[in-house]
Amino acid sequence: MDLELLGQRVRRLRLDGDLTLQGLADRCGVSVSMLSSIEHGDKAATVVLLDRIATGLGVRLVDLLTDETDRRFTVRRAAEQDVADEPGGWRRTILTPVVPGVNFELVRTSLPPGCDAGEFPAYAPGSHEFVVVDSGTLRLTVGDRTADLTAGDSVYFAADQPHRYLNPGRTACGYYVAAIIMRPRGPAARFVRP
């Protein structure tokens, strides 16, 4: 991380909040000399210290670490995509950039013949999934409803109910999931996509 840019961001946020160095120091419990060194780009701060500064400024840590323009245009190169090879031989690839505060992901999944990716639990209310089958056959079960989808078929479902992905065919199945997953607040919240 560029210490000079981080320092400029801290200073800008402090001045935008009409805070003196002493005022921010009082709010976050960090010494004036340390804050001054960070603002001038002279010292690197730990994540814990940066979190305290962000709290004192009344912003999220991610807002302190990234400039708003960085969050408004984010590129994720193919080499940076998260690829997971799962038990049973199926693979999922998260294609979209991870953007703080945006609960959207586009995922490409491939299931070998006969593969059952298992049942996924209900996500928080307000969660949605759109599925488009690219090749093969996908058997999607949502709650008590089941549909067999083939290449070109698509489906929408409210993802606040259990759902299962299965390839009942003799050839590989490829499909895309566009997901808006509402996450409960808290450290244990984690999104694992089929």
N, C-alpha and C. Protein backbone atom coordinates (compact mmCIF):
# COMPACT_ATOMS: atom_id res chain seq x y z
N MET A 1 0.84 -1.17 0.00
CA MET A 1 0.00 0.00 0.00
C MET A 1 0.89 1.24 0.00
N ASP A 2 0.52 2.23 -0.75
CA ASP A 2 1.26 3.48 -0.83
C ASP A 2 0.99 4.30 0.43
N LEU A 3 2.02 4.44 1.27
CA LEU A 3 1.85 5.13 2.55
C LEU A 3 1.50 6.60 2.38
N GLU A 4 2.03 7.21 1.33
CA GLU A 4 1.73 8.62 1.09
C GLU A 4 0.25 8.82 0.73
N LEU A 5 -0.27 7.95 -0.15
CA LEU A 5 -1.69 8.04 -0.52
C LEU A 5 -2.59 7.76 0.68
N LEU A 6 -2.21 6.76 1.49
CA LEU A 6 -2.99 6.46 2.69
C LEU A 6 -3.00 7.67 3.62
N GLY A 7 -1.84 8.28 3.81
CA GLY A 7 -1.75 9.46 4.68
C GLY A 7 -2.61 10.61 4.17
N GLN A 8 -2.61 10.81 2.86
CA GLN A 8 -3.45 11.87 2.27
C GLN A 8 -4.92 11.58 2.50
N ARG A 9 -5.30 10.30 2.40
CA ARG A 9 -6.70 9.92 2.62
C ARG A 9 -7.10 10.16 4.07
N VAL A 10 -6.23 9.79 5.01
CA VAL A 10 -6.52 10.02 6.43
C VAL A 10 -6.68 11.51 6.69
N ARG A 11 -5.77 12.30 6.15
CA ARG A 11 -5.82 13.75 6.35
C ARG A 11 -7.10 14.34 5.76
N ARG A 12 -7.44 13.91 4.53
CA ARG A 12 -8.65 14.43 3.88
C ARG A 12 -9.90 14.10 4.69
N LEU A 13 -9.99 12.85 5.15
CA LEU A 13 -11.15 12.44 5.94
C LEU A 13 -11.20 13.18 7.28
N ARG A 14 -10.04 13.40 7.86
CA ARG A 14 -9.99 14.14 9.14
C ARG A 14 -10.47 15.57 8.93
N LEU A 15 -9.96 16.22 7.87
CA LEU A 15 -10.36 17.62 7.61
C LEU A 15 -11.83 17.71 7.20
N ASP A 16 -12.29 16.71 6.41
CA ASP A 16 -13.71 16.68 6.03
C ASP A 16 -14.61 16.58 7.26
N GLY A 17 -14.11 15.91 8.31
CA GLY A 17 -14.86 15.77 9.54
C GLY A 17 -14.62 16.92 10.51
N ASP A 18 -13.89 17.94 10.03
CA ASP A 18 -13.60 19.13 10.84
C ASP A 18 -12.92 18.74 12.16
N LEU A 19 -11.93 17.83 12.05
CA LEU A 19 -11.21 17.36 13.23
C LEU A 19 -9.76 17.85 13.20
N THR A 20 -9.26 18.21 14.34
CA THR A 20 -7.83 18.48 14.48
C THR A 20 -7.14 17.14 14.71
N LEU A 21 -5.81 17.13 14.64
CA LEU A 21 -5.07 15.92 14.98
C LEU A 21 -5.40 15.48 16.40
N GLN A 22 -5.45 16.43 17.32
CA GLN A 22 -5.76 16.10 18.71
C GLN A 22 -7.18 15.55 18.84
N GLY A 23 -8.11 16.13 18.11
CA GLY A 23 -9.50 15.65 18.14
C GLY A 23 -9.61 14.21 17.66
N LEU A 24 -8.90 13.90 16.57
CA LEU A 24 -8.92 12.52 16.07
C LEU A 24 -8.20 11.60 17.05
N ALA A 25 -7.08 12.07 17.61
CA ALA A 25 -6.35 11.26 18.60
C ALA A 25 -7.25 10.91 19.77
N ASP A 26 -8.03 11.87 20.24
CA ASP A 26 -8.95 11.63 21.35
C ASP A 26 -10.02 10.60 20.99
N ARG A 27 -10.49 10.65 19.77
CA ARG A 27 -11.56 9.74 19.33
C ARG A 27 -11.08 8.31 19.16
N CYS A 28 -9.84 8.15 18.68
CA CYS A 28 -9.42 6.79 18.33
C CYS A 28 -8.36 6.21 19.26
N GLY A 29 -7.85 7.01 20.18
CA GLY A 29 -6.87 6.49 21.12
C GLY A 29 -5.51 6.24 20.50
N VAL A 30 -5.18 7.02 19.47
CA VAL A 30 -3.87 6.94 18.82
C VAL A 30 -3.17 8.26 19.08
N SER A 31 -1.88 8.23 19.36
CA SER A 31 -1.17 9.46 19.70
C SER A 31 -1.14 10.43 18.52
N VAL A 32 -1.06 11.72 18.85
CA VAL A 32 -0.98 12.77 17.83
C VAL A 32 0.26 12.56 16.97
N SER A 33 1.37 12.20 17.59
CA SER A 33 2.61 12.01 16.81
C SER A 33 2.47 10.86 15.82
N MET A 34 1.81 9.77 16.22
CA MET A 34 1.60 8.64 15.30
C MET A 34 0.67 9.04 14.17
N LEU A 35 -0.41 9.75 14.49
CA LEU A 35 -1.33 10.20 13.44
C LEU A 35 -0.62 11.11 12.45
N SER A 36 0.20 12.02 12.96
CA SER A 36 0.94 12.94 12.10
C SER A 36 1.89 12.16 11.18
N SER A 37 2.58 11.17 11.75
CA SER A 37 3.50 10.35 10.94
C SER A 37 2.76 9.59 9.86
N ILE A 38 1.58 9.08 10.18
CA ILE A 38 0.78 8.35 9.19
C ILE A 38 0.31 9.30 8.09
N GLU A 39 -0.17 10.49 8.48
CA GLU A 39 -0.64 11.46 7.49
C GLU A 39 0.48 11.91 6.55
N HIS A 40 1.71 11.96 7.06
CA HIS A 40 2.84 12.37 6.22
C HIS A 40 3.44 11.20 5.45
N GLY A 41 2.91 10.00 5.65
CA GLY A 41 3.41 8.83 4.94
C GLY A 41 4.74 8.34 5.46
N ASP A 42 5.07 8.73 6.69
CA ASP A 42 6.36 8.36 7.27
C ASP A 42 6.34 7.00 7.97
N LYS A 43 5.17 6.56 8.42
CA LYS A 43 5.08 5.31 9.17
C LYS A 43 3.96 4.44 8.62
N ALA A 44 4.22 3.13 8.62
CA ALA A 44 3.19 2.16 8.26
C ALA A 44 2.45 1.77 9.54
N ALA A 45 1.15 1.71 9.47
CA ALA A 45 0.34 1.35 10.63
C ALA A 45 -0.17 -0.08 10.46
N THR A 46 -0.37 -0.75 11.58
CA THR A 46 -0.96 -2.08 11.55
C THR A 46 -2.44 -1.97 11.17
N VAL A 47 -3.01 -3.09 10.79
CA VAL A 47 -4.44 -3.10 10.45
C VAL A 47 -5.27 -2.73 11.68
N VAL A 48 -4.85 -3.18 12.85
CA VAL A 48 -5.58 -2.86 14.08
C VAL A 48 -5.58 -1.35 14.31
N LEU A 49 -4.42 -0.73 14.12
CA LEU A 49 -4.31 0.71 14.30
C LEU A 49 -5.14 1.46 13.25
N LEU A 50 -5.08 0.99 12.00
CA LEU A 50 -5.88 1.62 10.95
C LEU A 50 -7.38 1.49 11.23
N ASP A 51 -7.78 0.36 11.80
CA ASP A 51 -9.19 0.18 12.14
C ASP A 51 -9.60 1.17 13.23
N ARG A 52 -8.74 1.41 14.19
CA ARG A 52 -9.04 2.40 15.24
C ARG A 52 -9.16 3.80 14.63
N ILE A 53 -8.27 4.11 13.69
CA ILE A 53 -8.32 5.43 13.04
C ILE A 53 -9.61 5.55 12.22
N ALA A 54 -9.95 4.50 11.47
CA ALA A 54 -11.19 4.52 10.69
C ALA A 54 -12.40 4.74 11.59
N THR A 55 -12.43 4.05 12.72
CA THR A 55 -13.53 4.22 13.68
C THR A 55 -13.58 5.66 14.18
N GLY A 56 -12.43 6.22 14.49
CA GLY A 56 -12.37 7.62 14.94
C GLY A 56 -12.85 8.59 13.89
N LEU A 57 -12.62 8.25 12.62
CA LEU A 57 -13.05 9.10 11.51
C LEU A 57 -14.52 8.86 11.15
N GLY A 58 -15.10 7.78 11.71
CA GLY A 58 -16.50 7.46 11.41
C GLY A 58 -16.69 6.81 10.06
N VAL A 59 -15.65 6.09 9.58
CA VAL A 59 -15.74 5.40 8.29
C VAL A 59 -15.39 3.94 8.50
N ARG A 60 -15.72 3.11 7.50
CA ARG A 60 -15.33 1.71 7.55
C ARG A 60 -13.85 1.60 7.18
N LEU A 61 -13.21 0.56 7.63
CA LEU A 61 -11.79 0.35 7.33
C LEU A 61 -11.56 0.31 5.82
N VAL A 62 -12.46 -0.33 5.08
CA VAL A 62 -12.30 -0.42 3.63
C VAL A 62 -12.33 0.97 2.99
N ASP A 63 -13.10 1.89 3.57
CA ASP A 63 -13.15 3.25 3.04
C ASP A 63 -11.85 3.99 3.29
N LEU A 64 -11.16 3.62 4.33
CA LEU A 64 -9.87 4.22 4.63
C LEU A 64 -8.79 3.65 3.72
N LEU A 65 -8.89 2.37 3.41
CA LEU A 65 -7.84 1.70 2.64
C LEU A 65 -7.98 1.86 1.13
N THR A 66 -9.18 2.18 0.65
CA THR A 66 -9.36 2.33 -0.79
C THR A 66 -10.04 3.66 -1.08
N ASP A 67 -9.61 4.26 -2.14
CA ASP A 67 -10.21 5.50 -2.59
C ASP A 67 -11.54 5.18 -3.26
N GLU A 68 -12.51 6.06 -3.14
CA GLU A 68 -13.83 5.80 -3.73
C GLU A 68 -13.73 5.52 -5.22
N THR A 69 -12.84 6.21 -5.92
CA THR A 69 -12.71 5.97 -7.36
C THR A 69 -12.20 4.57 -7.62
N ASP A 70 -11.40 3.99 -6.70
CA ASP A 70 -10.94 2.62 -6.85
C ASP A 70 -12.10 1.65 -6.76
N ARG A 71 -13.11 1.95 -5.93
CA ARG A 71 -14.25 1.07 -5.77
C ARG A 71 -15.29 1.25 -6.88
N ARG A 72 -15.23 2.34 -7.60
CA ARG A 72 -16.22 2.60 -8.64
C ARG A 72 -15.83 1.98 -9.98
N PHE A 73 -14.58 1.57 -10.12
CA PHE A 73 -14.12 0.91 -11.35
C PHE A 73 -13.07 -0.11 -10.93
N THR A 74 -13.47 -1.37 -10.91
CA THR A 74 -12.59 -2.43 -10.44
C THR A 74 -12.45 -3.50 -11.51
N VAL A 75 -11.22 -3.81 -11.85
CA VAL A 75 -10.93 -4.83 -12.86
C VAL A 75 -10.44 -6.08 -12.15
N ARG A 76 -10.96 -7.21 -12.56
CA ARG A 76 -10.45 -8.49 -12.06
C ARG A 76 -9.96 -9.28 -13.25
N ARG A 77 -8.67 -9.47 -13.31
CA ARG A 77 -8.06 -10.22 -14.41
C ARG A 77 -8.35 -11.70 -14.26
N ALA A 78 -8.33 -12.40 -15.40
CA ALA A 78 -8.62 -13.83 -15.40
C ALA A 78 -7.72 -14.58 -14.42
N ALA A 79 -6.47 -14.20 -14.34
CA ALA A 79 -5.53 -14.87 -13.44
C ALA A 79 -5.86 -14.64 -11.97
N GLU A 80 -6.68 -13.63 -11.67
CA GLU A 80 -7.03 -13.30 -10.28
C GLU A 80 -8.34 -13.94 -9.83
N GLN A 81 -9.04 -14.63 -10.74
CA GLN A 81 -10.33 -15.21 -10.38
C GLN A 81 -10.14 -16.33 -9.37
N ASP A 82 -11.07 -16.41 -8.43
CA ASP A 82 -11.04 -17.47 -7.42
C ASP A 82 -11.61 -18.73 -8.04
N VAL A 83 -10.79 -19.78 -8.10
CA VAL A 83 -11.20 -21.07 -8.65
C VAL A 83 -11.12 -22.10 -7.54
N ALA A 84 -12.20 -22.85 -7.37
CA ALA A 84 -12.22 -23.88 -6.33
C ALA A 84 -12.63 -25.21 -6.97
N ASP A 85 -11.78 -26.21 -6.80
CA ASP A 85 -12.11 -27.58 -7.22
C ASP A 85 -12.68 -28.27 -6.01
N GLU A 86 -13.94 -28.68 -6.13
CA GLU A 86 -14.68 -29.22 -5.00
C GLU A 86 -14.70 -30.75 -5.03
N PRO A 87 -15.00 -31.38 -3.88
CA PRO A 87 -15.14 -32.84 -3.85
C PRO A 87 -16.19 -33.28 -4.87
N GLY A 88 -15.95 -34.39 -5.50
CA GLY A 88 -16.89 -34.88 -6.52
C GLY A 88 -16.51 -34.42 -7.92
N GLY A 89 -15.45 -33.59 -8.02
CA GLY A 89 -14.94 -33.18 -9.32
C GLY A 89 -15.55 -31.93 -9.91
N TRP A 90 -16.42 -31.25 -9.16
CA TRP A 90 -16.99 -30.03 -9.74
C TRP A 90 -16.13 -28.84 -9.43
N ARG A 91 -16.23 -27.82 -10.26
CA ARG A 91 -15.39 -26.63 -10.15
C ARG A 91 -16.26 -25.38 -10.24
N ARG A 92 -15.90 -24.40 -9.41
CA ARG A 92 -16.59 -23.10 -9.49
C ARG A 92 -15.53 -22.01 -9.58
N THR A 93 -15.87 -20.99 -10.36
CA THR A 93 -14.98 -19.86 -10.58
C THR A 93 -15.77 -18.57 -10.36
N ILE A 94 -15.31 -17.75 -9.41
CA ILE A 94 -15.96 -16.46 -9.19
C ILE A 94 -15.36 -15.49 -10.20
N LEU A 95 -16.17 -15.04 -11.14
CA LEU A 95 -15.71 -14.24 -12.26
C LEU A 95 -15.62 -12.75 -11.95
N THR A 96 -16.48 -12.27 -11.08
CA THR A 96 -16.60 -10.82 -10.85
C THR A 96 -15.67 -10.34 -9.74
N PRO A 97 -15.28 -9.07 -9.82
CA PRO A 97 -14.50 -8.49 -8.72
C PRO A 97 -15.32 -8.45 -7.43
N VAL A 98 -14.62 -8.53 -6.32
CA VAL A 98 -15.27 -8.38 -5.01
C VAL A 98 -15.28 -6.89 -4.70
N VAL A 99 -16.46 -6.33 -4.54
CA VAL A 99 -16.61 -4.90 -4.29
C VAL A 99 -17.27 -4.72 -2.92
N PRO A 100 -16.58 -4.08 -1.97
CA PRO A 100 -17.16 -3.90 -0.64
C PRO A 100 -18.52 -3.22 -0.70
N GLY A 101 -19.47 -3.78 0.02
CA GLY A 101 -20.80 -3.21 0.09
C GLY A 101 -21.72 -3.63 -1.04
N VAL A 102 -21.20 -4.38 -2.02
CA VAL A 102 -22.02 -4.85 -3.14
C VAL A 102 -22.15 -6.36 -3.01
N ASN A 103 -23.35 -6.86 -2.88
CA ASN A 103 -23.59 -8.28 -2.61
C ASN A 103 -23.85 -9.08 -3.88
N PHE A 104 -23.14 -8.78 -4.96
CA PHE A 104 -23.36 -9.45 -6.24
C PHE A 104 -22.14 -10.25 -6.63
N GLU A 105 -22.36 -11.46 -7.15
CA GLU A 105 -21.28 -12.27 -7.70
C GLU A 105 -21.78 -12.99 -8.93
N LEU A 106 -20.89 -13.12 -9.92
CA LEU A 106 -21.16 -13.94 -11.10
C LEU A 106 -20.20 -15.11 -11.03
N VAL A 107 -20.76 -16.33 -11.05
CA VAL A 107 -19.97 -17.54 -10.86
C VAL A 107 -20.20 -18.49 -12.03
N ARG A 108 -19.10 -19.07 -12.53
CA ARG A 108 -19.20 -20.12 -13.55
C ARG A 108 -18.92 -21.45 -12.85
N THR A 109 -19.79 -22.42 -13.09
CA THR A 109 -19.64 -23.73 -12.45
C THR A 109 -19.68 -24.82 -13.50
N SER A 110 -18.86 -25.86 -13.31
CA SER A 110 -18.94 -27.04 -14.18
C SER A 110 -19.10 -28.27 -13.30
N LEU A 111 -20.07 -29.10 -13.66
CA LEU A 111 -20.34 -30.34 -12.94
C LEU A 111 -20.08 -31.51 -13.88
N PRO A 112 -19.24 -32.47 -13.47
CA PRO A 112 -19.04 -33.66 -14.31
C PRO A 112 -20.31 -34.50 -14.36
N PRO A 113 -20.38 -35.45 -15.28
CA PRO A 113 -21.57 -36.30 -15.38
C PRO A 113 -21.91 -36.96 -14.04
N GLY A 114 -23.20 -36.91 -13.69
CA GLY A 114 -23.68 -37.55 -12.48
C GLY A 114 -23.32 -36.85 -11.18
N CYS A 115 -22.68 -35.71 -11.25
CA CYS A 115 -22.21 -35.03 -10.04
C CYS A 115 -23.34 -34.29 -9.33
N ASP A 116 -23.40 -34.48 -8.02
CA ASP A 116 -24.34 -33.76 -7.16
C ASP A 116 -23.52 -32.80 -6.30
N ALA A 117 -23.70 -31.50 -6.51
CA ALA A 117 -22.94 -30.51 -5.75
C ALA A 117 -23.45 -30.38 -4.32
N GLY A 118 -24.55 -31.04 -4.03
CA GLY A 118 -25.08 -31.02 -2.67
C GLY A 118 -26.11 -29.92 -2.46
N GLU A 119 -26.68 -29.92 -1.26
CA GLU A 119 -27.68 -28.92 -0.93
C GLU A 119 -27.02 -27.73 -0.26
N PHE A 120 -27.44 -26.56 -0.66
CA PHE A 120 -26.95 -25.32 -0.09
C PHE A 120 -28.03 -24.73 0.79
N PRO A 121 -27.66 -24.20 1.95
CA PRO A 121 -28.66 -23.68 2.89
C PRO A 121 -29.31 -22.42 2.37
N ALA A 122 -30.42 -22.10 2.96
CA ALA A 122 -31.10 -20.85 2.63
C ALA A 122 -30.21 -19.68 3.01
N TYR A 123 -30.11 -18.68 2.13
CA TYR A 123 -29.39 -17.46 2.44
C TYR A 123 -30.35 -16.48 3.11
N ALA A 124 -29.84 -15.37 3.52
CA ALA A 124 -30.65 -14.37 4.22
C ALA A 124 -31.79 -13.88 3.32
N PRO A 125 -32.91 -13.47 3.92
CA PRO A 125 -34.02 -12.90 3.13
C PRO A 125 -33.51 -11.77 2.24
N GLY A 126 -34.08 -11.68 1.05
CA GLY A 126 -33.65 -10.67 0.08
C GLY A 126 -32.57 -11.17 -0.86
N SER A 127 -32.15 -12.44 -0.72
CA SER A 127 -31.15 -13.02 -1.60
C SER A 127 -31.82 -13.56 -2.86
N HIS A 128 -31.13 -13.44 -3.99
CA HIS A 128 -31.68 -13.86 -5.29
C HIS A 128 -30.61 -14.57 -6.10
N GLU A 129 -31.03 -15.51 -6.95
CA GLU A 129 -30.11 -16.15 -7.89
C GLU A 129 -30.77 -16.25 -9.25
N PHE A 130 -29.95 -16.00 -10.27
CA PHE A 130 -30.32 -16.22 -11.66
C PHE A 130 -29.34 -17.25 -12.19
N VAL A 131 -29.84 -18.29 -12.84
CA VAL A 131 -28.99 -19.36 -13.34
C VAL A 131 -29.22 -19.48 -14.85
N VAL A 132 -28.11 -19.59 -15.61
CA VAL A 132 -28.18 -19.81 -17.05
C VAL A 132 -27.31 -21.02 -17.37
N VAL A 133 -27.89 -22.03 -18.03
CA VAL A 133 -27.15 -23.23 -18.38
C VAL A 133 -26.47 -23.00 -19.72
N ASP A 134 -25.17 -23.29 -19.75
CA ASP A 134 -24.36 -23.10 -20.96
C ASP A 134 -24.25 -24.40 -21.75
N SER A 135 -24.13 -25.53 -21.02
CA SER A 135 -24.00 -26.83 -21.69
C SER A 135 -24.48 -27.93 -20.77
N GLY A 136 -24.89 -29.05 -21.37
CA GLY A 136 -25.33 -30.20 -20.59
C GLY A 136 -26.69 -29.98 -19.96
N THR A 137 -26.95 -30.75 -18.90
CA THR A 137 -28.23 -30.70 -18.20
C THR A 137 -27.99 -30.42 -16.72
N LEU A 138 -28.75 -29.50 -16.18
CA LEU A 138 -28.69 -29.17 -14.77
C LEU A 138 -30.04 -29.45 -14.14
N ARG A 139 -30.03 -30.22 -13.06
CA ARG A 139 -31.25 -30.42 -12.29
C ARG A 139 -31.14 -29.52 -11.07
N LEU A 140 -32.02 -28.54 -11.00
CA LEU A 140 -32.02 -27.57 -9.91
C LEU A 140 -33.24 -27.83 -9.04
N THR A 141 -32.99 -27.99 -7.75
CA THR A 141 -34.08 -28.17 -6.79
C THR A 141 -34.04 -26.99 -5.83
N VAL A 142 -35.17 -26.31 -5.73
CA VAL A 142 -35.31 -25.17 -4.83
C VAL A 142 -36.52 -25.44 -3.97
N GLY A 143 -36.27 -25.59 -2.65
CA GLY A 143 -37.39 -25.95 -1.78
C GLY A 143 -37.96 -27.29 -2.23
N ASP A 144 -39.25 -27.34 -2.57
CA ASP A 144 -39.88 -28.58 -3.02
C ASP A 144 -40.10 -28.61 -4.53
N ARG A 145 -39.47 -27.68 -5.27
CA ARG A 145 -39.63 -27.63 -6.73
C ARG A 145 -38.34 -28.05 -7.42
N THR A 146 -38.48 -28.79 -8.52
CA THR A 146 -37.32 -29.27 -9.29
C THR A 146 -37.55 -28.97 -10.76
N ALA A 147 -36.48 -28.55 -11.43
CA ALA A 147 -36.54 -28.30 -12.86
C ALA A 147 -35.27 -28.82 -13.51
N ASP A 148 -35.41 -29.50 -14.66
CA ASP A 148 -34.27 -29.89 -15.46
C ASP A 148 -34.07 -28.82 -16.52
N LEU A 149 -32.87 -28.27 -16.56
CA LEU A 149 -32.55 -27.18 -17.48
C LEU A 149 -31.45 -27.64 -18.44
N THR A 150 -31.57 -27.26 -19.71
CA THR A 150 -30.55 -27.60 -20.70
C THR A 150 -29.98 -26.31 -21.30
N ALA A 151 -28.99 -26.47 -22.16
CA ALA A 151 -28.27 -25.33 -22.73
C ALA A 151 -29.22 -24.25 -23.22
N GLY A 152 -29.00 -23.03 -22.72
CA GLY A 152 -29.82 -21.89 -23.11
C GLY A 152 -30.96 -21.60 -22.15
N ASP A 153 -31.32 -22.55 -21.31
CA ASP A 153 -32.39 -22.33 -20.33
C ASP A 153 -31.87 -21.46 -19.18
N SER A 154 -32.79 -20.72 -18.59
CA SER A 154 -32.43 -19.91 -17.43
C SER A 154 -33.56 -19.96 -16.41
N VAL A 155 -33.22 -19.60 -15.18
CA VAL A 155 -34.20 -19.63 -14.10
C VAL A 155 -33.82 -18.56 -13.07
N TYR A 156 -34.83 -18.06 -12.40
CA TYR A 156 -34.64 -17.17 -11.25
C TYR A 156 -35.26 -17.85 -10.04
N PHE A 157 -34.65 -17.68 -8.87
CA PHE A 157 -35.31 -18.10 -7.64
C PHE A 157 -34.85 -17.24 -6.47
N ALA A 158 -35.75 -17.10 -5.51
CA ALA A 158 -35.41 -16.43 -4.26
C ALA A 158 -34.53 -17.40 -3.49
N ALA A 159 -33.31 -16.97 -3.17
CA ALA A 159 -32.32 -17.87 -2.58
C ALA A 159 -32.41 -17.95 -1.05
N ASP A 160 -33.55 -17.55 -0.50
CA ASP A 160 -33.74 -17.65 0.95
C ASP A 160 -34.41 -18.98 1.32
N GLN A 161 -34.12 -20.00 0.50
CA GLN A 161 -34.61 -21.35 0.75
C GLN A 161 -33.53 -22.33 0.29
N PRO A 162 -33.50 -23.54 0.85
CA PRO A 162 -32.47 -24.51 0.46
C PRO A 162 -32.55 -24.81 -1.03
N HIS A 163 -31.39 -25.06 -1.65
CA HIS A 163 -31.35 -25.36 -3.08
C HIS A 163 -30.20 -26.32 -3.38
N ARG A 164 -30.37 -27.08 -4.48
CA ARG A 164 -29.42 -28.14 -4.83
C ARG A 164 -29.15 -28.10 -6.34
N TYR A 165 -27.88 -28.34 -6.70
CA TYR A 165 -27.46 -28.41 -8.10
C TYR A 165 -26.96 -29.82 -8.39
N LEU A 166 -27.48 -30.45 -9.46
CA LEU A 166 -27.13 -31.82 -9.81
C LEU A 166 -27.04 -31.95 -11.32
N ASN A 167 -26.06 -32.69 -11.80
CA ASN A 167 -25.96 -33.01 -13.22
C ASN A 167 -26.42 -34.45 -13.40
N PRO A 168 -27.66 -34.67 -13.91
CA PRO A 168 -28.15 -36.03 -14.07
C PRO A 168 -27.70 -36.66 -15.40
N GLY A 169 -27.01 -35.90 -16.22
CA GLY A 169 -26.66 -36.35 -17.57
C GLY A 169 -25.37 -37.14 -17.65
N ARG A 170 -25.04 -37.53 -18.91
CA ARG A 170 -23.83 -38.32 -19.19
C ARG A 170 -22.70 -37.45 -19.72
N THR A 171 -22.96 -36.15 -19.83
CA THR A 171 -21.92 -35.22 -20.27
C THR A 171 -21.79 -34.12 -19.22
N ALA A 172 -20.69 -33.40 -19.28
CA ALA A 172 -20.46 -32.31 -18.33
C ALA A 172 -21.53 -31.24 -18.48
N CYS A 173 -21.82 -30.58 -17.37
CA CYS A 173 -22.78 -29.48 -17.36
C CYS A 173 -22.04 -28.21 -16.95
N GLY A 174 -22.26 -27.15 -17.72
CA GLY A 174 -21.69 -25.85 -17.36
C GLY A 174 -22.81 -24.84 -17.20
N TYR A 175 -22.72 -24.03 -16.16
CA TYR A 175 -23.76 -23.02 -15.95
C TYR A 175 -23.18 -21.82 -15.22
N TYR A 176 -23.91 -20.70 -15.31
CA TYR A 176 -23.54 -19.46 -14.66
C TYR A 176 -24.59 -19.12 -13.61
N VAL A 177 -24.13 -18.59 -12.48
CA VAL A 177 -25.02 -18.12 -11.43
C VAL A 177 -24.72 -16.64 -11.20
N ALA A 178 -25.74 -15.80 -11.37
CA ALA A 178 -25.64 -14.40 -10.99
C ALA A 178 -26.38 -14.30 -9.66
N ALA A 179 -25.66 -13.96 -8.61
CA ALA A 179 -26.24 -14.04 -7.27
C ALA A 179 -26.16 -12.70 -6.55
N ILE A 180 -27.27 -12.35 -5.95
CA ILE A 180 -27.32 -11.23 -5.02
C ILE A 180 -27.61 -11.87 -3.67
N ILE A 181 -26.58 -11.97 -2.85
CA ILE A 181 -26.69 -12.68 -1.58
C ILE A 181 -26.59 -11.69 -0.44
N MET A 182 -27.66 -11.55 0.30
CA MET A 182 -27.65 -10.70 1.48
C MET A 182 -26.96 -11.47 2.58
N ARG A 183 -26.03 -10.81 3.22
CA ARG A 183 -25.27 -11.48 4.27
C ARG A 183 -25.64 -10.90 5.62
N PRO A 184 -25.82 -11.78 6.61
CA PRO A 184 -26.02 -11.25 7.95
C PRO A 184 -24.75 -10.54 8.40
N ARG A 185 -24.87 -9.49 9.16
CA ARG A 185 -23.70 -8.76 9.66
C ARG A 185 -23.00 -9.60 10.71
N GLY A 186 -21.71 -9.54 10.72
CA GLY A 186 -20.95 -10.25 11.74
C GLY A 186 -19.78 -10.98 11.15
N PRO A 187 -18.81 -11.36 11.98
CA PRO A 187 -17.58 -11.96 11.50
C PRO A 187 -17.77 -13.35 10.90
N ALA A 188 -18.84 -14.05 11.24
CA ALA A 188 -19.01 -15.40 10.74
C ALA A 188 -19.65 -15.45 9.36
N ALA A 189 -20.13 -14.31 8.85
CA ALA A 189 -20.81 -14.29 7.56
C ALA A 189 -19.82 -14.61 6.44
N ARG A 190 -20.15 -15.62 5.62
CA ARG A 190 -19.27 -16.01 4.53
C ARG A 190 -20.13 -16.57 3.42
N PHE A 191 -19.80 -16.24 2.19
CA PHE A 191 -20.58 -16.68 1.04
C PHE A 191 -19.82 -17.81 0.36
N VAL A 192 -20.42 -18.97 0.25
CA VAL A 192 -19.82 -20.07 -0.47
C VAL A 192 -20.78 -20.45 -1.57
N ARG A 193 -20.36 -20.29 -2.78
CA ARG A 193 -21.25 -20.44 -3.93
C ARG A 193 -21.04 -21.78 -4.62
N PRO A 194 -22.15 -22.43 -5.07
CA PRO A 194 -22.03 -23.67 -5.83
C PRO A 194 -21.50 -23.41 -7.22
